[in-house]
Amino acid sequence: MADKLYLVTRADLSAGQQAVQAAHALQAFNIEFPQEARAWYDTSSTLALLVVPDEPGLARLFHKARRRGCVSEFREPDRGNELTALAIGPWGKSVVARLPLALAS
């Protein structure tokens, strides 16, 4: 495993919420996939922070990514367990290829 780890959050969240939710998803990935996380960290440790418009878009991406490999989701308890961010392993480049960078403005 090498290349980037992809963190994807929602454009309808504030910039601060996007950053925090992405951090939660990264931590979930580290716990759920410790071997993959270690391999990524040892060979690359490069992150890409990307964005989708809203929760339905994030849910569609989660289901697409889950069929292809390791992906972790984060649901925010303070927002009624809304899906707020994903961490997608380096194999997921094709799944996120067309997504824009988060916090780009």
Protein backbone atom coordinates (compact mmCIF):
# COMPACT_ATOMS: atom_id res chain seq x y z
CA MET A 1 0.00 0.00 0.00
CA ALA A 2 1.29 3.45 -0.85
CA ASP A 3 0.08 6.72 -2.29
CA LYS A 4 -2.53 8.89 -0.63
CA LEU A 5 -5.18 8.23 1.95
CA TYR A 6 -8.35 10.06 0.96
CA LEU A 7 -10.44 11.89 3.54
CA VAL A 8 -13.81 13.00 2.21
CA THR A 9 -16.22 15.28 4.01
CA ARG A 10 -19.27 17.40 3.18
CA ALA A 11 -19.35 20.87 1.65
CA ASP A 12 -22.48 21.71 3.66
CA LEU A 13 -20.43 21.66 6.89
CA SER A 14 -18.39 24.63 8.07
CA ALA A 15 -14.65 24.59 7.43
CA GLY A 16 -13.97 23.78 11.07
CA GLN A 17 -16.48 20.95 11.06
CA GLN A 18 -15.01 19.56 7.84
CA ALA A 19 -11.54 19.42 9.39
CA VAL A 20 -12.71 17.80 12.62
CA GLN A 21 -14.96 15.26 10.91
CA ALA A 22 -12.13 14.27 8.55
CA ALA A 23 -9.87 13.74 11.58
CA HIS A 24 -12.52 11.47 13.11
CA ALA A 25 -12.68 9.42 9.90
CA LEU A 26 -8.88 9.10 9.84
CA GLN A 27 -8.89 7.81 13.41
CA ALA A 28 -11.64 5.32 12.54
CA PHE A 29 -9.51 4.07 9.63
CA ASN A 30 -6.49 3.68 11.92
CA ILE A 31 -8.52 1.55 14.34
CA GLU A 32 -10.46 -0.50 11.77
CA PHE A 33 -7.55 -1.18 9.40
CA PRO A 34 -4.36 -1.02 11.48
CA GLN A 35 -2.17 -2.95 9.03
CA GLU A 36 -3.28 -0.87 6.04
CA ALA A 37 -2.88 2.34 8.07
CA ARG A 38 0.65 1.37 9.12
CA ALA A 39 1.65 0.46 5.55
CA TRP A 40 0.27 3.77 4.24
CA TYR A 41 2.01 5.75 6.99
CA ASP A 42 5.35 3.99 6.50
CA THR A 43 5.40 4.37 2.71
CA SER A 44 3.64 7.67 2.04
CA SER A 45 1.65 9.36 4.83
CA THR A 46 0.16 11.67 2.19
CA LEU A 47 -3.42 12.82 2.74
CA ALA A 48 -5.93 14.34 0.35
CA LEU A 49 -8.88 16.21 1.88
CA LEU A 50 -11.78 16.15 -0.55
CA VAL A 51 -15.42 17.17 -0.48
CA VAL A 52 -18.84 16.09 -1.71
CA PRO A 53 -21.88 18.38 -1.60
CA ASP A 54 -23.94 16.74 1.14
CA GLU A 55 -24.78 13.66 3.21
CA PRO A 56 -26.55 11.75 0.39
CA GLY A 57 -23.49 12.25 -1.81
CA LEU A 58 -21.22 10.99 0.96
CA ALA A 59 -23.45 7.94 1.49
CA ARG A 60 -23.30 7.08 -2.23
CA LEU A 61 -19.52 7.39 -2.16
CA PHE A 62 -19.32 5.19 0.94
CA HIS A 63 -21.29 2.38 -0.71
CA LYS A 64 -19.23 2.61 -3.90
CA ALA A 65 -15.94 2.61 -1.96
CA ARG A 66 -17.00 -0.22 0.35
CA ARG A 67 -17.46 -2.55 -2.63
CA ARG A 68 -13.83 -1.95 -3.65
CA GLY A 69 -11.86 -2.12 -0.40
CA CYS A 70 -11.21 -0.61 3.00
CA VAL A 71 -13.13 2.50 3.87
CA SER A 72 -14.12 3.92 7.24
CA GLU A 73 -17.08 6.15 7.93
CA PHE A 74 -17.65 8.61 10.73
CA ARG A 75 -21.09 9.50 12.01
CA GLU A 76 -21.31 12.52 14.30
CA PRO A 77 -23.31 11.84 17.48
CA ASP A 78 -23.85 15.57 18.03
CA ARG A 79 -25.57 15.80 14.63
CA GLY A 80 -28.01 12.92 15.09
CA ASN A 81 -25.47 10.35 13.80
CA GLU A 82 -25.28 12.01 10.39
CA LEU A 83 -22.62 10.63 8.08
CA THR A 84 -20.02 13.41 8.04
CA ALA A 85 -16.76 11.96 6.70
CA LEU A 86 -15.01 8.99 5.14
CA ALA A 87 -11.44 7.74 5.05
CA ILE A 88 -10.70 5.75 1.90
CA GLY A 89 -7.54 3.70 1.47
CA PRO A 90 -5.00 4.41 -1.28
CA TRP A 91 -6.63 1.89 -3.63
CA GLY A 92 -9.57 4.33 -3.80
CA LYS A 93 -7.99 6.84 -6.17
CA SER A 94 -10.42 5.99 -8.96
CA VAL A 95 -13.42 6.37 -6.63
CA VAL A 96 -12.47 9.94 -5.66
CA ALA A 97 -10.75 11.09 -8.87
CA ARG A 98 -13.32 13.76 -9.73
CA LEU A 99 -13.89 15.19 -6.26
CA PRO A 100 -12.69 18.73 -5.52
CA LEU A 101 -10.37 19.63 -2.67
CA ALA A 102 -12.05 20.62 0.58
CA LEU A 103 -11.37 24.05 2.10
CA ALA A 104 -10.12 25.30 -1.26
CA SER A 105 -11.75 28.71 -1.11
